[in-house]
Amino acid sequence: MDQNPAVQNRRHSRSNVMFTATLELPGASLPVMLRNLSPEGALIRGQDLPGEGSRVLFHRDGLSVPSRVAWSHCGHAGLAFDFPLYPKEMLRHVPERQTKPELPIKRRPGLSCKPLTAAERAMIERWATEGNPLGE
């Protein structure tokens, strides 16, 4: 379990994803990789990301969210959205998880517990004493 206080104090869980997105800055547009998402923010990965406190416009598949860069370090950055964005809205292009159909359980047949016939018992007795129950 992650003991990081920042992780422990989050109000919303995050959805792990791997989508492309874009950050709009004054005079620039940066392609980024969206790594996780919550209603209040996102984790992004990219090159030449803006510094902490920068104002950006986050774009993903027709959605745009004004945001602030909460932190930035080594090609990763955390975005804080100006208003809550619900993951269902952001992930609307991802197909719903399909449940697997219920398959019948295949089991090997068990050993039967029926009593031996007189012929089977005689054959086993011959095998135990003579070593060749078939008489060959």
Foldseek 3Di string as FASTA:
>chain_A
DDPPVVVVPDPWDKDADWAWKWKAAVVDIFIWTWGIDAQFKTKIFGPPDDAFQGWIWIGDDPDTFTWGFHHDDDRMTMTTTPGTDHVCVRCVVPDDDDDDDDDDDDDDDDDDDDDDDPLRVQLVVCCVVPVHSVPD
